[in-house]
Amino acid sequence: MKNTPLDTNELAGAVARVRLVPVFSKAPVQSLEFLLDQAEFCHLESGECLATRDTIPDRIHILLKGHVGMFEGETHQSDHLVDLVPAPQMIGLSEALLKEPYGHSFFAADAVESLALPVERLVSLVADDPHLLQSMIGALSLRLHSLVTQINMLKTKRADQRLAEHLLSLMRENRGDDSFDLPYDKKTLAAHLGIAPESLSRSIAKLRKMGVTIDGKRITIADAGVLEEFLFESATA
């Protein structure tokens, strides 16, 4: 992991990027400048560790680019993958507010860029701004809702439907572009969907009949509406 202190000339741009995170979208500029005063840019390549389980965070990471895998244990074996966290989300927020150690380890699933914020700065800012605290509680609630939705998908959707839903979510991440690159390898994708690699291959073959082209890491969706309708088919169909 390569860390670079935030230069004063980069402050305005960093403030603008942090505002993309819903928690900070309405925070005063002065508050964000205070928060970013001791921040660092972090750059990670796929497989590099961002944080390890059982350590208490001294920094909170705002993901600006890429995806971070949350793993059970201290290695990034695909069969230990719990979740994939996309930008722009935060890692370490709940642990920082509760002063608790990480319950999982976090590794970059692709090229990742984050802003590392000192915990004490954020805690100080939250103490003086109840609206920011309310926003953070809202962010944690949305994160919980996302995990509940994922559990529901694992319990009620077939493998091919899970893949369709994930491809649509990646399409949304790419601002609706119907042609984009899979940001991580297919082994990670299968682990995230909770399916075996051979099930992923069968699911890809089925989605090809619906106009989905997967050429290496390049994915093209001919008609997103077809996939949307497919999601509502009975899981026993």
Protein backbone atom coordinates (compact mmCIF):
# COMPACT_ATOMS: atom_id res chain seq x y z
CA MET A 1 0.00 0.00 0.00
CA LYS A 2 1.36 3.39 -1.01
CA ASN A 3 0.41 6.35 1.20
CA THR A 4 0.78 9.95 0.06
CA PRO A 5 0.08 12.93 2.36
CA LEU A 6 -2.62 15.22 1.02
CA ASP A 7 -1.01 18.32 -0.45
CA THR A 8 -2.61 21.71 0.26
CA ASN A 9 -3.01 22.20 -3.49
CA GLU A 10 -5.12 19.03 -3.59
CA LEU A 11 -7.43 20.05 -0.75
CA ALA A 12 -10.21 21.60 -2.86
CA GLY A 13 -10.31 18.57 -5.14
CA ALA A 14 -10.34 16.21 -2.16
CA VAL A 15 -13.24 18.11 -0.58
CA ALA A 16 -15.21 17.75 -3.82
CA ARG A 17 -14.54 14.00 -3.96
CA VAL A 18 -15.47 13.48 -0.30
CA ARG A 19 -18.77 15.25 -0.95
CA LEU A 20 -19.68 12.35 -3.27
CA VAL A 21 -20.02 10.23 -0.12
CA PRO A 22 -23.61 10.76 1.09
CA VAL A 23 -22.51 11.18 4.73
CA PHE A 24 -20.48 14.27 3.85
CA SER A 25 -22.62 15.68 1.02
CA LYS A 26 -24.01 18.52 3.16
CA ALA A 27 -21.09 19.05 5.55
CA PRO A 28 -19.68 22.61 5.66
CA VAL A 29 -16.49 23.18 3.68
CA GLN A 30 -14.67 24.24 6.87
CA SER A 31 -15.55 20.92 8.53
CA LEU A 32 -14.30 18.91 5.58
CA GLU A 33 -11.08 20.93 5.40
CA PHE A 34 -10.53 20.23 9.11
CA LEU A 35 -11.21 16.53 8.52
CA LEU A 36 -8.83 16.34 5.56
CA ASP A 37 -6.04 18.39 7.09
CA GLN A 38 -4.12 15.26 8.11
CA ALA A 39 -5.54 12.88 5.51
CA GLU A 40 -3.52 10.66 3.19
CA PHE A 41 -4.20 9.23 -0.24
CA CYS A 42 -3.80 5.44 -0.21
CA HIS A 43 -3.20 3.43 -3.37
CA LEU A 44 -3.51 -0.36 -3.35
CA GLU A 45 -3.11 -2.97 -6.05
CA SER A 46 -5.30 -6.05 -6.17
CA GLY A 47 -4.54 -8.36 -3.25
CA GLU A 48 -2.94 -5.73 -1.01
CA CYS A 49 -4.19 -5.47 2.56
CA LEU A 50 -6.05 -2.38 3.74
CA ALA A 51 -6.81 -3.54 7.30
CA THR A 52 -6.57 -6.76 9.30
CA ARG A 53 -8.99 -8.38 11.71
CA ASP A 54 -8.60 -7.74 15.46
CA THR A 55 -6.78 -4.41 14.97
CA ILE A 56 -8.32 -1.17 16.24
CA PRO A 57 -8.42 1.38 13.41
CA ASP A 58 -6.61 4.68 13.79
CA ARG A 59 -7.87 5.77 10.37
CA ILE A 60 -11.14 5.56 8.48
CA HIS A 61 -10.93 4.90 4.75
CA ILE A 62 -13.19 6.62 2.25
CA LEU A 63 -13.09 4.55 -0.92
CA LEU A 64 -12.69 6.80 -3.93
CA LYS A 65 -12.09 4.12 -6.54
CA GLY A 66 -12.30 0.34 -6.78
CA HIS A 67 -13.64 -2.45 -4.60
CA VAL A 68 -12.43 -3.87 -1.29
CA GLY A 69 -13.11 -7.44 -0.25
CA MET A 70 -14.14 -8.16 3.34
CA PHE A 71 -12.70 -11.51 4.42
CA GLU A 72 -13.07 -13.88 7.33
CA GLY A 73 -9.57 -14.40 8.71
CA GLU A 74 -6.31 -12.69 7.83
CA THR A 75 -5.88 -13.87 4.23
CA HIS A 76 -7.76 -13.06 1.04
CA GLN A 77 -8.71 -16.58 -0.01
CA SER A 78 -11.80 -16.37 -2.17
CA ASP A 79 -13.67 -18.99 -0.13
CA HIS A 80 -13.38 -16.66 2.89
CA LEU A 81 -14.91 -13.67 1.10
CA VAL A 82 -17.84 -12.17 3.03
CA ASP A 83 -18.63 -9.08 0.97
CA LEU A 84 -17.33 -6.69 -1.68
CA VAL A 85 -17.39 -3.03 -0.68
CA PRO A 86 -17.54 -0.58 -3.62
CA ALA A 87 -16.63 3.09 -3.80
CA PRO A 88 -17.83 5.50 -2.52
CA GLN A 89 -18.24 3.83 0.87
CA MET A 90 -16.34 3.98 4.13
CA ILE A 91 -14.38 1.27 5.89
CA GLY A 92 -13.83 1.45 9.63
CA LEU A 93 -16.67 3.84 10.51
CA SER A 94 -18.56 1.61 12.95
CA GLU A 95 -15.32 0.34 14.52
CA ALA A 96 -14.07 3.91 15.02
CA LEU A 97 -17.30 5.14 16.60
CA LEU A 98 -17.49 2.10 18.89
CA LYS A 99 -13.72 1.97 19.52
CA GLU A 100 -13.80 -1.71 18.59
CA PRO A 101 -11.32 -3.79 16.55
CA TYR A 102 -12.09 -4.89 13.01
CA GLY A 103 -14.11 -8.10 12.86
CA HIS A 104 -12.82 -8.88 9.37
CA SER A 105 -9.80 -8.26 7.18
CA PHE A 106 -9.99 -6.02 4.10
CA PHE A 107 -8.06 -6.56 0.86
CA ALA A 108 -8.18 -4.71 -2.44
CA ALA A 109 -10.15 -6.67 -5.05
CA ASP A 110 -8.86 -4.43 -7.85
CA ALA A 111 -6.93 -1.14 -8.06
CA VAL A 112 -8.13 0.87 -5.06
CA GLU A 113 -7.75 4.51 -4.12
CA SER A 114 -8.90 5.76 -0.73
CA LEU A 115 -8.61 8.75 1.57
CA ALA A 116 -7.41 7.77 5.04
CA LEU A 117 -8.81 10.06 7.74
CA PRO A 118 -7.49 10.14 11.33
CA VAL A 119 -10.12 8.69 13.65
CA GLU A 120 -9.62 11.37 16.31
CA ARG A 121 -10.38 14.12 13.79
CA LEU A 122 -13.62 12.48 12.74
CA VAL A 123 -14.69 11.81 16.33
CA SER A 124 -13.96 15.43 17.24
CA LEU A 125 -15.96 16.67 14.27
CA VAL A 126 -18.91 14.41 15.06
CA ALA A 127 -18.96 15.62 18.67
CA ASP A 128 -19.52 19.18 17.44
CA ASP A 129 -21.94 18.38 14.61
CA PRO A 130 -25.05 16.34 15.51
CA HIS A 131 -26.24 16.50 11.89
CA LEU A 132 -23.07 14.72 10.77
CA LEU A 133 -23.60 12.08 13.46
CA GLN A 134 -27.14 11.57 12.21
CA SER A 135 -25.81 11.15 8.66
CA MET A 136 -23.32 8.55 9.86
CA ILE A 137 -26.02 6.59 11.64
CA GLY A 138 -27.98 6.73 8.39
CA ALA A 139 -24.96 5.45 6.45
CA LEU A 140 -24.56 2.52 8.84
CA SER A 141 -28.28 1.77 8.50
CA LEU A 142 -27.97 1.73 4.70
CA ARG A 143 -25.00 -0.61 4.99
CA LEU A 144 -27.04 -2.95 7.18
CA HIS A 145 -29.91 -2.80 4.69
CA SER A 146 -27.49 -3.68 1.89
CA LEU A 147 -26.29 -6.76 3.79
CA VAL A 148 -29.87 -7.85 4.51
CA THR A 149 -30.67 -7.47 0.80
CA GLN A 150 -27.64 -9.60 -0.02
CA ILE A 151 -28.76 -12.31 2.41
CA ASN A 152 -32.22 -12.25 0.83
CA MET A 153 -30.68 -12.65 -2.62
CA LEU A 154 -28.58 -15.62 -1.48
CA LYS A 155 -31.64 -17.31 0.01
CA THR A 156 -34.23 -16.60 -2.68
CA LYS A 157 -32.43 -16.20 -6.03
CA ARG A 158 -30.85 -18.77 -8.32
CA ALA A 159 -27.19 -18.48 -9.29
CA ASP A 160 -28.01 -17.03 -12.73
CA GLN A 161 -30.31 -14.42 -11.15
CA ARG A 162 -27.62 -13.43 -8.65
CA LEU A 163 -25.20 -12.94 -11.53
CA ALA A 164 -27.75 -10.86 -13.46
CA GLU A 165 -28.38 -8.64 -10.43
CA HIS A 166 -24.65 -8.16 -9.87
CA LEU A 167 -24.00 -7.24 -13.49
CA LEU A 168 -26.80 -4.68 -13.31
CA SER A 169 -25.26 -3.21 -10.15
CA LEU A 170 -21.88 -2.94 -11.91
CA MET A 171 -23.64 -1.24 -14.81
CA ARG A 172 -25.07 1.31 -12.36
CA GLU A 173 -21.60 1.83 -10.88
CA ASN A 174 -20.44 2.66 -14.42
CA ARG A 175 -23.13 5.35 -14.77
CA GLY A 176 -25.41 3.18 -16.85
CA ASP A 177 -22.84 2.32 -19.52
CA ASP A 178 -23.89 -1.01 -21.04
CA SER A 179 -20.28 -2.02 -21.75
CA PHE A 180 -17.75 -2.14 -18.92
CA ASP A 181 -14.93 -4.19 -17.43
CA LEU A 182 -15.37 -6.68 -14.60
CA PRO A 183 -13.18 -5.06 -11.91
CA TYR A 184 -12.02 -8.33 -10.34
CA ASP A 185 -11.42 -11.91 -11.42
CA LYS A 186 -14.18 -14.47 -11.92
CA LYS A 187 -13.08 -16.48 -8.88
CA THR A 188 -13.80 -13.44 -6.69
CA LEU A 189 -17.09 -12.89 -8.51
CA ALA A 190 -18.19 -16.47 -7.86
CA ALA A 191 -17.25 -16.21 -4.17
CA HIS A 192 -19.16 -12.94 -3.82
CA LEU A 193 -22.26 -14.52 -5.37
CA GLY A 194 -21.94 -17.57 -3.12
CA ILE A 195 -21.65 -20.03 -5.99
CA ALA A 196 -19.06 -22.50 -7.28
CA PRO A 197 -16.95 -21.53 -10.33
CA GLU A 198 -18.71 -24.18 -12.45
CA SER A 199 -22.09 -22.69 -11.49
CA LEU A 200 -20.80 -19.30 -12.57
CA SER A 201 -19.86 -20.74 -15.97
CA ARG A 202 -23.35 -22.18 -16.42
CA SER A 203 -24.92 -18.88 -15.35
CA ILE A 204 -22.79 -16.96 -17.85
CA ALA A 205 -23.91 -19.35 -20.59
CA LYS A 206 -27.57 -18.74 -19.69
CA LEU A 207 -27.18 -14.95 -19.64
CA ARG A 208 -25.56 -15.05 -23.08
CA LYS A 209 -28.96 -16.12 -24.42
CA MET A 210 -30.33 -12.88 -22.96
CA GLY A 211 -27.86 -10.68 -24.78
CA VAL A 212 -25.04 -10.56 -22.24
CA THR A 213 -21.57 -10.84 -23.75
CA ILE A 214 -18.58 -11.64 -21.53
CA ASP A 215 -15.27 -11.51 -23.37
CA GLY A 216 -12.45 -11.88 -20.85
CA LYS A 217 -13.22 -9.09 -18.39
CA ARG A 218 -15.27 -7.06 -20.87
CA ILE A 219 -19.01 -7.24 -20.23
CA THR A 220 -21.69 -5.94 -22.59
CA ILE A 221 -25.40 -5.92 -21.76
CA ALA A 222 -27.57 -5.63 -24.87
CA ASP A 223 -30.82 -4.93 -23.00
CA ALA A 224 -30.84 -4.21 -19.26
CA GLY A 225 -34.63 -4.48 -19.26
CA VAL A 226 -34.43 -8.17 -20.15
CA LEU A 227 -32.21 -8.82 -17.12
CA GLU A 228 -34.50 -6.77 -14.88
CA GLU A 229 -37.47 -8.94 -15.90
CA PHE A 230 -35.38 -12.08 -15.39
CA LEU A 231 -34.80 -11.13 -11.74
CA PHE A 232 -38.52 -11.44 -11.02
CA GLU A 233 -38.84 -14.96 -12.38
CA SER A 234 -39.64 -17.59 -9.80
CA ALA A 235 -36.46 -18.98 -8.25
CA THR A 236 -37.79 -22.47 -9.05
CA ALA A 237 -38.33 -21.73 -12.74
